[in-house]
Amino acid sequence: MERSEFGSKLKTHDWYYGYSDDHSVWKRGVAASARLRQAHESLSCPYDMNTLMNWAHKMVLEEFAEEEPGAWYRQPRKYKCVAPTKREVLMTRKKHDEITQWFALGSTVEEIGRFV
């Protein structure tokens, strides 16, 4: 698997498969997660999987605001019933772009478009 494909698969991965009541969904999630871990290792990715999950979900600090102490929300906030995020989960725009560039090395323009 190349970097660009790895980045695309991270973006489309069901990160919450473990919460599914459907065993077949869980099995597919376990298999997909194993493939991602294998690609992570074979590509010698310098970022841990938690950081990559936050990258895939675009958890960029500059897109969030602390509305209550320790409670960060994506802006603009559309719904009041959304759970807050902790500051530790958020990355700076600079870090997000650095990770995006790592995936983009050797990619075509079309492949890069999938990361943004």
PDB file of N, CA and C in Angstrom:
ATOM      1  N   MET A   1       0.854  -1.173   0.000  1.00  0.00           N
ATOM      2  CA  MET A   1       0.000   0.000   0.000  1.00  0.00           C
ATOM      3  C   MET A   1       0.904   1.242   0.000  1.00  0.00           C
ATOM      4  N   GLU A   2       0.570   2.199  -0.836  1.00  0.00           N
ATOM      5  CA  GLU A   2       1.339   3.442  -0.901  1.00  0.00           C
ATOM      6  C   GLU A   2       0.791   4.451   0.102  1.00  0.00           C
ATOM      7  N   ARG A   3       1.558   5.497   0.346  1.00  0.00           N
ATOM      8  CA  ARG A   3       1.149   6.518   1.318  1.00  0.00           C
ATOM      9  C   ARG A   3      -0.206   7.125   0.994  1.00  0.00           C
ATOM     10  N   SER A   4      -0.421   7.432  -0.278  1.00  0.00           N
ATOM     11  CA  SER A   4      -1.683   8.077  -0.658  1.00  0.00           C
ATOM     12  C   SER A   4      -2.883   7.168  -0.378  1.00  0.00           C
ATOM     13  N   GLU A   5      -2.739   5.886  -0.686  1.00  0.00           N
ATOM     14  CA  GLU A   5      -3.828   4.942  -0.421  1.00  0.00           C
ATOM     15  C   GLU A   5      -4.040   4.777   1.081  1.00  0.00           C
ATOM     16  N   PHE A   6      -2.946   4.727   1.833  1.00  0.00           N
ATOM     17  CA  PHE A   6      -3.024   4.623   3.292  1.00  0.00           C
ATOM     18  C   PHE A   6      -3.797   5.819   3.852  1.00  0.00           C
ATOM     19  N   GLY A   7      -3.474   7.023   3.403  1.00  0.00           N
ATOM     20  CA  GLY A   7      -4.183   8.222   3.856  1.00  0.00           C
ATOM     21  C   GLY A   7      -5.660   8.175   3.519  1.00  0.00           C
ATOM     22  N   SER A   8      -5.990   7.734   2.325  1.00  0.00           N
ATOM     23  CA  SER A   8      -7.394   7.622   1.915  1.00  0.00           C
ATOM     24  C   SER A   8      -8.137   6.611   2.777  1.00  0.00           C
ATOM     25  N   LYS A   9      -7.497   5.491   3.043  1.00  0.00           N
ATOM     26  CA  LYS A   9      -8.136   4.454   3.858  1.00  0.00           C
ATOM     27  C   LYS A   9      -8.332   4.920   5.301  1.00  0.00           C
ATOM     28  N   LEU A  10      -7.386   5.712   5.825  1.00  0.00           N
ATOM     29  CA  LEU A  10      -7.552   6.267   7.174  1.00  0.00           C
ATOM     30  C   LEU A  10      -8.766   7.192   7.224  1.00  0.00           C
ATOM     31  N   LYS A  11      -8.950   7.987   6.169  1.00  0.00           N
ATOM     32  CA  LYS A  11     -10.065   8.936   6.121  1.00  0.00           C
ATOM     33  C   LYS A  11     -11.419   8.229   6.056  1.00  0.00           C
ATOM     34  N   THR A  12     -11.474   7.063   5.413  1.00  0.00           N
ATOM     35  CA  THR A  12     -12.754   6.372   5.235  1.00  0.00           C
ATOM     36  C   THR A  12     -12.960   5.222   6.225  1.00  0.00           C
ATOM     37  N   HIS A  13     -11.976   4.955   7.067  1.00  0.00           N
ATOM     38  CA  HIS A  13     -12.063   3.853   8.029  1.00  0.00           C
ATOM     39  C   HIS A  13     -13.178   4.099   9.053  1.00  0.00           C
ATOM     40  N   ASP A  14     -13.876   3.041   9.443  1.00  0.00           N
ATOM     41  CA  ASP A  14     -14.882   3.123  10.503  1.00  0.00           C
ATOM     42  C   ASP A  14     -14.155   2.978  11.841  1.00  0.00           C
ATOM     43  N   TRP A  15     -13.750   4.092  12.400  1.00  0.00           N
ATOM     44  CA  TRP A  15     -12.965   4.091  13.639  1.00  0.00           C
ATOM     45  C   TRP A  15     -13.772   3.610  14.829  1.00  0.00           C
ATOM     46  N   TYR A  16     -15.078   3.551  14.712  1.00  0.00           N
ATOM     47  CA  TYR A  16     -15.930   3.188  15.847  1.00  0.00           C
ATOM     48  C   TYR A  16     -16.610   1.834  15.661  1.00  0.00           C
ATOM     49  N   TYR A  17     -16.006   0.975  14.836  1.00  0.00           N
ATOM     50  CA  TYR A  17     -16.582  -0.346  14.577  1.00  0.00           C
ATOM     51  C   TYR A  17     -16.769  -1.152  15.860  1.00  0.00           C
ATOM     52  N   GLY A  18     -15.938  -0.918  16.848  1.00  0.00           N
ATOM     53  CA  GLY A  18     -16.006  -1.670  18.109  1.00  0.00           C
ATOM     54  C   GLY A  18     -17.295  -1.450  18.877  1.00  0.00           C
ATOM     55  N   TYR A  19     -18.021  -0.385  18.556  1.00  0.00           N
ATOM     56  CA  TYR A  19     -19.282  -0.093  19.235  1.00  0.00           C
ATOM     57  C   TYR A  19     -20.483  -0.734  18.537  1.00  0.00           C
ATOM     58  N   SER A  20     -20.249  -1.385  17.425  1.00  0.00           N
ATOM     59  CA  SER A  20     -21.351  -1.956  16.654  1.00  0.00           C
ATOM     60  C   SER A  20     -21.946  -3.184  17.336  1.00  0.00           C
ATOM     61  N   ASP A  21     -23.257  -3.317  17.235  1.00  0.00           N
ATOM     62  CA  ASP A  21     -23.954  -4.511  17.718  1.00  0.00           C
ATOM     63  C   ASP A  21     -23.956  -5.609  16.663  1.00  0.00           C
ATOM     64  N   ASP A  22     -23.570  -5.265  15.450  1.00  0.00           N
ATOM     65  CA  ASP A  22     -23.566  -6.202  14.333  1.00  0.00           C
ATOM     66  C   ASP A  22     -22.188  -6.861  14.253  1.00  0.00           C
ATOM     67  N   HIS A  23     -22.147  -8.166  14.478  1.00  0.00           N
ATOM     68  CA  HIS A  23     -20.872  -8.887  14.501  1.00  0.00           C
ATOM     69  C   HIS A  23     -20.131  -8.792  13.168  1.00  0.00           C
ATOM     70  N   SER A  24     -20.855  -8.785  12.056  1.00  0.00           N
ATOM     71  CA  SER A  24     -20.188  -8.706  10.752  1.00  0.00           C
ATOM     72  C   SER A  24     -19.514  -7.342  10.575  1.00  0.00           C
ATOM     73  N   VAL A  25     -20.130  -6.286  11.085  1.00  0.00           N
ATOM     74  CA  VAL A  25     -19.511  -4.953  11.037  1.00  0.00           C
ATOM     75  C   VAL A  25     -18.247  -4.956  11.884  1.00  0.00           C
ATOM     76  N   TRP A  26     -18.322  -5.547  13.054  1.00  0.00           N
ATOM     77  CA  TRP A  26     -17.172  -5.634  13.949  1.00  0.00           C
ATOM     78  C   TRP A  26     -16.036  -6.412  13.280  1.00  0.00           C
ATOM     79  N   LYS A  27     -16.352  -7.569  12.649  1.00  0.00           N
ATOM     80  CA  LYS A  27     -15.325  -8.383  11.985  1.00  0.00           C
ATOM     81  C   LYS A  27     -14.648  -7.614  10.853  1.00  0.00           C
ATOM     82  N   ARG A  28     -15.440  -6.906  10.046  1.00  0.00           N
ATOM     83  CA  ARG A  28     -14.860  -6.093   8.965  1.00  0.00           C
ATOM     84  C   ARG A  28     -13.968  -4.992   9.536  1.00  0.00           C
ATOM     85  N   GLY A  29     -14.407  -4.394  10.634  1.00  0.00           N
ATOM     86  CA  GLY A  29     -13.624  -3.346  11.270  1.00  0.00           C
ATOM     87  C   GLY A  29     -12.308  -3.855  11.812  1.00  0.00           C
ATOM     88  N   VAL A  30     -12.325  -5.021  12.415  1.00  0.00           N
ATOM     89  CA  VAL A  30     -11.096  -5.628  12.942  1.00  0.00           C
ATOM     90  C   VAL A  30     -10.135  -5.916  11.794  1.00  0.00           C
ATOM     91  N   ALA A  31     -10.637  -6.468  10.706  1.00  0.00           N
ATOM     92  CA  ALA A  31      -9.793  -6.784   9.554  1.00  0.00           C
ATOM     93  C   ALA A  31      -9.227  -5.506   8.926  1.00  0.00           C
ATOM     94  N   ALA A  32     -10.060  -4.488   8.762  1.00  0.00           N
ATOM     95  CA  ALA A  32      -9.598  -3.226   8.183  1.00  0.00           C
ATOM     96  C   ALA A  32      -8.562  -2.566   9.086  1.00  0.00           C
ATOM     97  N   SER A  33      -8.797  -2.621  10.381  1.00  0.00           N
ATOM     98  CA  SER A  33      -7.864  -2.046  11.344  1.00  0.00           C
ATOM     99  C   SER A  33      -6.506  -2.760  11.288  1.00  0.00           C
ATOM    100  N   ALA A  34      -6.538  -4.076  11.133  1.00  0.00           N
ATOM    101  CA  ALA A  34      -5.297  -4.854  11.024  1.00  0.00           C
ATOM    102  C   ALA A  34      -4.525  -4.462   9.760  1.00  0.00           C
ATOM    103  N   ARG A  35      -5.240  -4.262   8.654  1.00  0.00           N
ATOM    104  CA  ARG A  35      -4.583  -3.837   7.408  1.00  0.00           C
ATOM    105  C   ARG A  35      -3.959  -2.446   7.563  1.00  0.00           C
ATOM    106  N   LEU A  36      -4.663  -1.568   8.260  1.00  0.00           N
ATOM    107  CA  LEU A  36      -4.127  -0.227   8.494  1.00  0.00           C
ATOM    108  C   LEU A  36      -2.868  -0.277   9.366  1.00  0.00           C
ATOM    109  N   ARG A  37      -2.895  -1.096  10.407  1.00  0.00           N
ATOM    110  CA  ARG A  37      -1.708  -1.232  11.275  1.00  0.00           C
ATOM    111  C   ARG A  37      -0.533  -1.811  10.496  1.00  0.00           C
ATOM    112  N   GLN A  38      -0.814  -2.768   9.622  1.00  0.00           N
ATOM    113  CA  GLN A  38       0.240  -3.363   8.801  1.00  0.00           C
ATOM    114  C   GLN A  38       0.831  -2.311   7.855  1.00  0.00           C
ATOM    115  N   ALA A  39      -0.018  -1.519   7.219  1.00  0.00           N
ATOM    116  CA  ALA A  39       0.461  -0.461   6.322  1.00  0.00           C
ATOM    117  C   ALA A  39       1.240   0.585   7.106  1.00  0.00           C
ATOM    118  N   HIS A  40       0.765   0.919   8.288  1.00  0.00           N
ATOM    119  CA  HIS A  40       1.436   1.879   9.167  1.00  0.00           C
ATOM    120  C   HIS A  40       2.870   1.431   9.431  1.00  0.00           C
ATOM    121  N   GLU A  41       3.026   0.164   9.720  1.00  0.00           N
ATOM    122  CA  GLU A  41       4.348  -0.390  10.007  1.00  0.00           C
ATOM    123  C   GLU A  41       5.206  -0.493   8.748  1.00  0.00           C
ATOM    124  N   SER A  42       4.636  -0.991   7.668  1.00  0.00           N
ATOM    125  CA  SER A  42       5.429  -1.201   6.450  1.00  0.00           C
ATOM    126  C   SER A  42       5.875   0.122   5.815  1.00  0.00           C
ATOM    127  N   LEU A  43       5.104   1.191   6.018  1.00  0.00           N
ATOM    128  CA  LEU A  43       5.472   2.498   5.476  1.00  0.00           C
ATOM    129  C   LEU A  43       6.361   3.291   6.438  1.00  0.00           C
ATOM    130  N   SER A  44       6.630   2.709   7.608  1.00  0.00           N
ATOM    131  CA  SER A  44       7.420   3.391   8.649  1.00  0.00           C
ATOM    132  C   SER A  44       6.842   4.779   8.928  1.00  0.00           C
ATOM    133  N   CYS A  45       5.540   4.825   9.105  1.00  0.00           N
ATOM    134  CA  CYS A  45       4.853   6.091   9.366  1.00  0.00           C
ATOM    135  C   CYS A  45       5.342   6.670  10.697  1.00  0.00           C
ATOM    136  N   PRO A  46       5.766   7.940  10.703  1.00  0.00           N
ATOM    137  CA  PRO A  46       6.301   8.533  11.927  1.00  0.00           C
ATOM    138  C   PRO A  46       5.233   8.971  12.932  1.00  0.00           C
ATOM    139  N   TYR A  47       3.964   8.821  12.596  1.00  0.00           N
ATOM    140  CA  TYR A  47       2.875   9.261  13.472  1.00  0.00           C
ATOM    141  C   TYR A  47       2.141   8.052  14.035  1.00  0.00           C
ATOM    142  N   ASP A  48       1.748   8.112  15.314  1.00  0.00           N
ATOM    143  CA  ASP A  48       1.030   6.993  15.908  1.00  0.00           C
ATOM    144  C   ASP A  48      -0.417   6.962  15.393  1.00  0.00           C
ATOM    145  N   MET A  49      -1.065   5.842  15.577  1.00  0.00           N
ATOM    146  CA  MET A  49      -2.405   5.652  15.024  1.00  0.00           C
ATOM    147  C   MET A  49      -3.431   6.603  15.643  1.00  0.00           C
ATOM    148  N   ASN A  50      -3.289   6.959  16.919  1.00  0.00           N
ATOM    149  CA  ASN A  50      -4.219   7.914  17.522  1.00  0.00           C
ATOM    150  C   ASN A  50      -4.104   9.282  16.853  1.00  0.00           C
ATOM    151  N   THR A  51      -2.875   9.698  16.583  1.00  0.00           N
ATOM    152  CA  THR A  51      -2.663  10.969  15.884  1.00  0.00           C
ATOM    153  C   THR A  51      -3.268  10.905  14.486  1.00  0.00           C
ATOM    154  N   LEU A  52      -3.100   9.769  13.811  1.00  0.00           N
ATOM    155  CA  LEU A  52      -3.662   9.615  12.467  1.00  0.00           C
ATOM    156  C   LEU A  52      -5.189   9.601  12.488  1.00  0.00           C
ATOM    157  N   MET A  53      -5.778   9.032  13.523  1.00  0.00           N
ATOM    158  CA  MET A  53      -7.233   9.059  13.654  1.00  0.00           C
ATOM    159  C   MET A  53      -7.702  10.513  13.803  1.00  0.00           C
ATOM    160  N   ASN A  54      -7.014  11.286  14.617  1.00  0.00           N
ATOM    161  CA  ASN A  54      -7.383  12.693  14.798  1.00  0.00           C
ATOM    162  C   ASN A  54      -7.165  13.482  13.508  1.00  0.00           C
ATOM    163  N   TRP A  55      -6.120  13.132  12.764  1.00  0.00           N
ATOM    164  CA  TRP A  55      -5.891  13.754  11.448  1.00  0.00           C
ATOM    165  C   TRP A  55      -7.052  13.427  10.510  1.00  0.00           C
ATOM    166  N   ALA A  56      -7.445  12.156  10.486  1.00  0.00           N
ATOM    167  CA  ALA A  56      -8.529  11.714   9.599  1.00  0.00           C
ATOM    168  C   ALA A  56      -9.850  12.419   9.927  1.00  0.00           C
ATOM    169  N   HIS A  57     -10.066  12.725  11.197  1.00  0.00           N
ATOM    170  CA  HIS A  57     -11.288  13.412  11.614  1.00  0.00           C
ATOM    171  C   HIS A  57     -11.140  14.935  11.575  1.00  0.00           C
ATOM    172  N   LYS A  58      -9.988  15.387  11.093  1.00  0.00           N
ATOM    173  CA  LYS A  58      -9.703  16.830  10.964  1.00  0.00           C
ATOM    174  C   LYS A  58      -9.939  17.559  12.283  1.00  0.00           C
ATOM    175  N   MET A  59      -9.304  17.053  13.314  1.00  0.00           N
ATOM    176  CA  MET A  59      -9.415  17.638  14.657  1.00  0.00           C
ATOM    177  C   MET A  59      -8.382  18.758  14.790  1.00  0.00           C
ATOM    178  N   VAL A  60      -8.633  19.861  14.104  1.00  0.00           N
ATOM    179  CA  VAL A  60      -7.701  20.982  14.017  1.00  0.00           C
ATOM    180  C   VAL A  60      -8.095  22.054  15.039  1.00  0.00           C
ATOM    181  N   LEU A  61      -7.169  22.364  15.917  1.00  0.00           N
ATOM    182  CA  LEU A  61      -7.405  23.309  17.004  1.00  0.00           C
ATOM    183  C   LEU A  61      -8.047  24.602  16.527  1.00  0.00           C
ATOM    184  N   GLU A  62      -7.557  25.139  15.426  1.00  0.00           N
ATOM    185  CA  GLU A  62      -8.058  26.417  14.930  1.00  0.00           C
ATOM    186  C   GLU A  62      -9.514  26.361  14.461  1.00  0.00           C
ATOM    187  N   GLU A  63     -10.074  25.171  14.324  1.00  0.00           N
ATOM    188  CA  GLU A  63     -11.473  25.019  13.922  1.00  0.00           C
ATOM    189  C   GLU A  63     -12.395  24.783  15.114  1.00  0.00           C
ATOM    190  N   PHE A  64     -11.839  24.852  16.325  1.00  0.00           N
ATOM    191  CA  PHE A  64     -12.586  24.604  17.554  1.00  0.00           C
ATOM    192  C   PHE A  64     -12.490  25.820  18.469  1.00  0.00           C
ATOM    193  N   ALA A  65     -13.442  25.907  19.401  1.00  0.00           N
ATOM    194  CA  ALA A  65     -13.404  26.954  20.420  1.00  0.00           C
ATOM    195  C   ALA A  65     -13.735  26.318  21.763  1.00  0.00           C
ATOM    196  N   GLU A  66     -13.100  26.823  22.802  1.00  0.00           N
ATOM    197  CA  GLU A  66     -13.366  26.336  24.156  1.00  0.00           C
ATOM    198  C   GLU A  66     -14.560  27.120  24.697  1.00  0.00           C
ATOM    199  N   GLU A  67     -15.731  26.488  24.728  1.00  0.00           N
ATOM    200  CA  GLU A  67     -16.949  27.164  25.161  1.00  0.00           C
ATOM    201  C   GLU A  67     -17.127  27.115  26.668  1.00  0.00           C
ATOM    202  N   GLU A  68     -16.561  26.093  27.286  1.00  0.00           N
ATOM    203  CA  GLU A  68     -16.546  25.938  28.744  1.00  0.00           C
ATOM    204  C   GLU A  68     -15.149  25.444  29.086  1.00  0.00           C
ATOM    205  N   PRO A  69     -14.717  25.599  30.327  1.00  0.00           N
ATOM    206  CA  PRO A  69     -13.375  25.107  30.666  1.00  0.00           C
ATOM    207  C   PRO A  69     -13.206  23.618  30.323  1.00  0.00           C
ATOM    208  N   GLY A  70     -12.242  23.329  29.443  1.00  0.00           N
ATOM    209  CA  GLY A  70     -11.951  21.951  29.044  1.00  0.00           C
ATOM    210  C   GLY A  70     -12.904  21.353  28.023  1.00  0.00           C
ATOM    211  N   ALA A  71     -13.869  22.130  27.540  1.00  0.00           N
ATOM    212  CA  ALA A  71     -14.866  21.624  26.590  1.00  0.00           C
ATOM    213  C   ALA A  71     -14.738  22.378  25.264  1.00  0.00           C
ATOM    214  N   TRP A  72     -14.165  21.709  24.275  1.00  0.00           N
ATOM    215  CA  TRP A  72     -13.915  22.312  22.962  1.00  0.00           C
ATOM    216  C   TRP A  72     -14.947  21.811  21.968  1.00  0.00           C
ATOM    217  N   TYR A  73     -15.463  22.738  21.133  1.00  0.00           N
ATOM    218  CA  TYR A  73     -16.473  22.405  20.136  1.00  0.00           C
ATOM    219  C   TYR A  73     -16.051  22.932  18.773  1.00  0.00           C
ATOM    220  N   ARG A  74     -16.329  22.137  17.724  1.00  0.00           N
ATOM    221  CA  ARG A  74     -16.057  22.577  16.351  1.00  0.00           C
ATOM    222  C   ARG A  74     -16.928  23.798  16.044  1.00  0.00           C
ATOM    223  N   GLN A  75     -16.346  24.737  15.334  1.00  0.00           N
ATOM    224  CA  GLN A  75     -17.041  25.980  15.008  1.00  0.00           C
ATOM    225  C   GLN A  75     -17.296  26.065  13.509  1.00  0.00           C
ATOM    226  N   PRO A  76     -18.408  26.606  13.067  1.00  0.00           N
ATOM    227  CA  PRO A  76     -19.503  27.029  13.925  1.00  0.00           C
ATOM    228  C   PRO A  76     -20.247  25.816  14.475  1.00  0.00           C
ATOM    229  N   ARG A  77     -20.716  25.944  15.667  1.00  0.00           N
ATOM    230  CA  ARG A  77     -21.418  24.836  16.324  1.00  0.00           C
ATOM    231  C   ARG A  77     -22.853  24.806  15.827  1.00  0.00           C
ATOM    232  N   LYS A  78     -23.209  23.701  15.162  1.00  0.00           N
ATOM    233  CA  LYS A  78     -24.539  23.583  14.556  1.00  0.00           C
ATOM    234  C   LYS A  78     -25.581  23.047  15.538  1.00  0.00           C
ATOM    235  N   TYR A  79     -25.163  22.134  16.426  1.00  0.00           N
ATOM    236  CA  TYR A  79     -26.108  21.452  17.302  1.00  0.00           C
ATOM    237  C   TYR A  79     -25.674  21.606  18.759  1.00  0.00           C
ATOM    238  N   LYS A  80     -26.636  21.723  19.641  1.00  0.00           N
ATOM    239  CA  LYS A  80     -26.344  21.845  21.074  1.00  0.00           C
ATOM    240  C   LYS A  80     -26.084  20.489  21.736  1.00  0.00           C
ATOM    241  N   CYS A  81     -26.496  19.396  21.089  1.00  0.00           N
ATOM    242  CA  CYS A  81     -26.383  18.070  21.705  1.00  0.00           C
ATOM    243  C   CYS A  81     -25.094  17.337  21.328  1.00  0.00           C
ATOM    244  N   VAL A  82     -24.090  18.064  20.852  1.00  0.00           N
ATOM    245  CA  VAL A  82     -22.820  17.449  20.465  1.00  0.00           C
ATOM    246  C   VAL A  82     -21.906  17.384  21.685  1.00  0.00           C
ATOM    247  N   ALA A  83     -21.246  16.249  21.851  1.00  0.00           N
ATOM    248  CA  ALA A  83     -20.319  16.094  22.977  1.00  0.00           C
ATOM    249  C   ALA A  83     -19.063  16.929  22.737  1.00  0.00           C
ATOM    250  N   PRO A  84     -18.479  17.466  23.809  1.00  0.00           N
ATOM    251  CA  PRO A  84     -17.261  18.265  23.650  1.00  0.00           C
ATOM    252  C   PRO A  84     -16.038  17.389  23.404  1.00  0.00           C
ATOM    253  N   THR A  85     -14.987  18.023  22.961  1.00  0.00           N
ATOM    254  CA  THR A  85     -13.697  17.383  22.740  1.00  0.00           C
ATOM    255  C   THR A  85     -12.708  17.970  23.734  1.00  0.00           C
ATOM    256  N   LYS A  86     -11.737  17.164  24.129  1.00  0.00           N
ATOM    257  CA  LYS A  86     -10.682  17.655  25.014  1.00  0.00           C
ATOM    258  C   LYS A  86      -9.569  18.278  24.180  1.00  0.00           C
ATOM    259  N   ARG A  87      -8.873  19.217  24.737  1.00  0.00           N
ATOM    260  CA  ARG A  87      -7.791  19.925  24.048  1.00  0.00           C
ATOM    261  C   ARG A  87      -6.698  18.959  23.586  1.00  0.00           C
ATOM    262  N   GLU A  88      -6.410  17.926  24.367  1.00  0.00           N
ATOM    263  CA  GLU A  88      -5.338  16.979  24.033  1.00  0.00           C
ATOM    264  C   GLU A  88      -5.567  16.263  22.710  1.00  0.00           C
ATOM    265  N   VAL A  89      -6.813  16.161  22.286  1.00  0.00           N
ATOM    266  CA  VAL A  89      -7.163  15.462  21.049  1.00  0.00           C
ATOM    267  C   VAL A  89      -6.897  16.337  19.821  1.00  0.00           C
ATOM    268  N   LEU A  90      -6.880  17.635  20.018  1.00  0.00           N
ATOM    269  CA  LEU A  90      -6.752  18.577  18.902  1.00  0.00           C
ATOM    270  C   LEU A  90      -5.297  18.796  18.514  1.00  0.00           C
ATOM    271  N   MET A  91      -5.063  18.990  17.219  1.00  0.00           N
ATOM    272  CA  MET A  91      -3.730  19.302  16.713  1.00  0.00           C
ATOM    273  C   MET A  91      -3.773  20.649  16.017  1.00  0.00           C
ATOM    274  N   THR A  92      -2.637  21.291  15.956  1.00  0.00           N
ATOM    275  CA  THR A  92      -2.580  22.583  15.276  1.00  0.00           C
ATOM    276  C   THR A  92      -2.724  22.385  13.770  1.00  0.00           C
ATOM    277  N   ARG A  93      -3.099  23.441  13.080  1.00  0.00           N
ATOM    278  CA  ARG A  93      -3.190  23.398  11.617  1.00  0.00           C
ATOM    279  C   ARG A  93      -1.830  23.005  11.040  1.00  0.00           C
ATOM    280  N   LYS A  94      -0.754  23.525  11.630  1.00  0.00           N
ATOM    281  CA  LYS A  94       0.597  23.220  11.154  1.00  0.00           C
ATOM    282  C   LYS A  94       0.869  21.715  11.227  1.00  0.00           C
ATOM    283  N   LYS A  95       0.517  21.075  12.338  1.00  0.00           N
ATOM    284  CA  LYS A  95       0.717  19.631  12.498  1.00  0.00           C
ATOM    285  C   LYS A  95      -0.143  18.858  11.496  1.00  0.00           C
ATOM    286  N   HIS A  96      -1.396  19.275  11.326  1.00  0.00           N
ATOM    287  CA  HIS A  96      -2.297  18.619  10.373  1.00  0.00           C
ATOM    288  C   HIS A  96      -1.712  18.691   8.963  1.00  0.00           C
ATOM    289  N   ASP A  97      -1.212  19.862   8.598  1.00  0.00           N
ATOM    290  CA  ASP A  97      -0.626  20.035   7.266  1.00  0.00           C
ATOM    291  C   ASP A  97       0.664  19.224   7.109  1.00  0.00           C
ATOM    292  N   GLU A  98       1.436  19.103   8.171  1.00  0.00           N
ATOM    293  CA  GLU A  98       2.664  18.296   8.143  1.00  0.00           C
ATOM    294  C   GLU A  98       2.330  16.828   7.859  1.00  0.00           C
ATOM    295  N   ILE A  99       1.303  16.323   8.506  1.00  0.00           N
ATOM    296  CA  ILE A  99       0.881  14.936   8.287  1.00  0.00           C
ATOM    297  C   ILE A  99       0.354  14.772   6.863  1.00  0.00           C
ATOM    298  N   THR A 100      -0.434  15.734   6.401  1.00  0.00           N
ATOM    299  CA  THR A 100      -0.956  15.700   5.032  1.00  0.00           C
ATOM    300  C   THR A 100       0.186  15.662   4.028  1.00  0.00           C
ATOM    301  N   GLN A 101       1.221  16.451   4.260  1.00  0.00           N
ATOM    302  CA  GLN A 101       2.378  16.459   3.357  1.00  0.00           C
ATOM    303  C   GLN A 101       3.090  15.109   3.356  1.00  0.00           C
ATOM    304  N   TRP A 102       3.159  14.451   4.507  1.00  0.00           N
ATOM    305  CA  TRP A 102       3.797  13.132   4.559  1.00  0.00           C
ATOM    306  C   TRP A 102       3.044  12.168   3.635  1.00  0.00           C
ATOM    307  N   PHE A 103       1.714  12.217   3.677  1.00  0.00           N
ATOM    308  CA  PHE A 103       0.920  11.348   2.800  1.00  0.00           C
ATOM    309  C   PHE A 103       1.068  11.744   1.341  1.00  0.00           C
ATOM    310  N   ALA A 104       1.253  13.019   1.074  1.00  0.00           N
ATOM    311  CA  ALA A 104       1.276  13.534  -0.294  1.00  0.00           C
ATOM    312  C   ALA A 104       2.580  13.241  -1.032  1.00  0.00           C
ATOM    313  N   LEU A 105       3.656  12.933  -0.324  1.00  0.00           N
ATOM    314  CA  LEU A 105       4.928  12.666  -1.001  1.00  0.00           C
ATOM    315  C   LEU A 105       4.768  11.549  -2.022  1.00  0.00           C
ATOM    316  N   GLY A 106       5.048  11.873  -3.269  1.00  0.00           N
ATOM    317  CA  GLY A 106       4.945  10.884  -4.335  1.00  0.00           C
ATOM    318  C   GLY A 106       3.541  10.677  -4.871  1.00  0.00           C
ATOM    319  N   SER A 107       2.578  11.498  -4.440  1.00  0.00           N
ATOM    320  CA  SER A 107       1.190  11.342  -4.868  1.00  0.00           C
ATOM    321  C   SER A 107       0.883  12.207  -6.088  1.00  0.00           C
ATOM    322  N   THR A 108      -0.161  11.824  -6.779  1.00  0.00           N
ATOM    323  CA  THR A 108      -0.659  12.645  -7.889  1.00  0.00           C
ATOM    324  C   THR A 108      -1.541  13.753  -7.325  1.00  0.00           C
ATOM    325  N   VAL A 109      -1.875  14.729  -8.140  1.00  0.00           N
ATOM    326  CA  VAL A 109      -2.735  15.840  -7.721  1.00  0.00           C
ATOM    327  C   VAL A 109      -4.096  15.308  -7.270  1.00  0.00           C
ATOM    328  N   GLU A 110      -4.640  14.324  -7.977  1.00  0.00           N
ATOM    329  CA  GLU A 110      -5.948  13.748  -7.624  1.00  0.00           C
ATOM    330  C   GLU A 110      -5.877  13.064  -6.262  1.00  0.00           C
ATOM    331  N   GLU A 111      -4.793  12.342  -6.006  1.00  0.00           N
ATOM    332  CA  GLU A 111      -4.648  11.659  -4.720  1.00  0.00           C
ATOM    333  C   GLU A 111      -4.532  12.662  -3.578  1.00  0.00           C
ATOM    334  N   ILE A 112      -3.799  13.747  -3.809  1.00  0.00           N
ATOM    335  CA  ILE A 112      -3.645  14.774  -2.780  1.00  0.00           C
ATOM    336  C   ILE A 112      -4.991  15.400  -2.448  1.00  0.00           C
ATOM    337  N   GLY A 113      -5.849  15.556  -3.446  1.00  0.00           N
ATOM    338  CA  GLY A 113      -7.170  16.127  -3.243  1.00  0.00           C
ATOM    339  C   GLY A 113      -8.015  15.332  -2.260  1.00  0.00           C
ATOM    340  N   ARG A 114      -7.762  14.066  -2.107  1.00  0.00           N
ATOM    341  CA  ARG A 114      -8.521  13.232  -1.177  1.00  0.00           C
ATOM    342  C   ARG A 114      -8.141  13.491   0.278  1.00  0.00           C
ATOM    343  N   PHE A 115      -6.977  14.071   0.509  1.00  0.00           N
ATOM    344  CA  PHE A 115      -6.517  14.314   1.888  1.00  0.00           C
ATOM    345  C   PHE A 115      -7.076  15.590   2.476  1.00  0.00           C
ATOM    346  N   VAL A 116      -7.372  16.541   1.626  1.00  0.00           N
ATOM    347  CA  VAL A 116      -7.703  17.889   2.112  1.00  0.00           C
ATOM    348  C   VAL A 116      -9.127  18.003   2.573  1.00  0.00           C
TER     349      VAL A 116
END
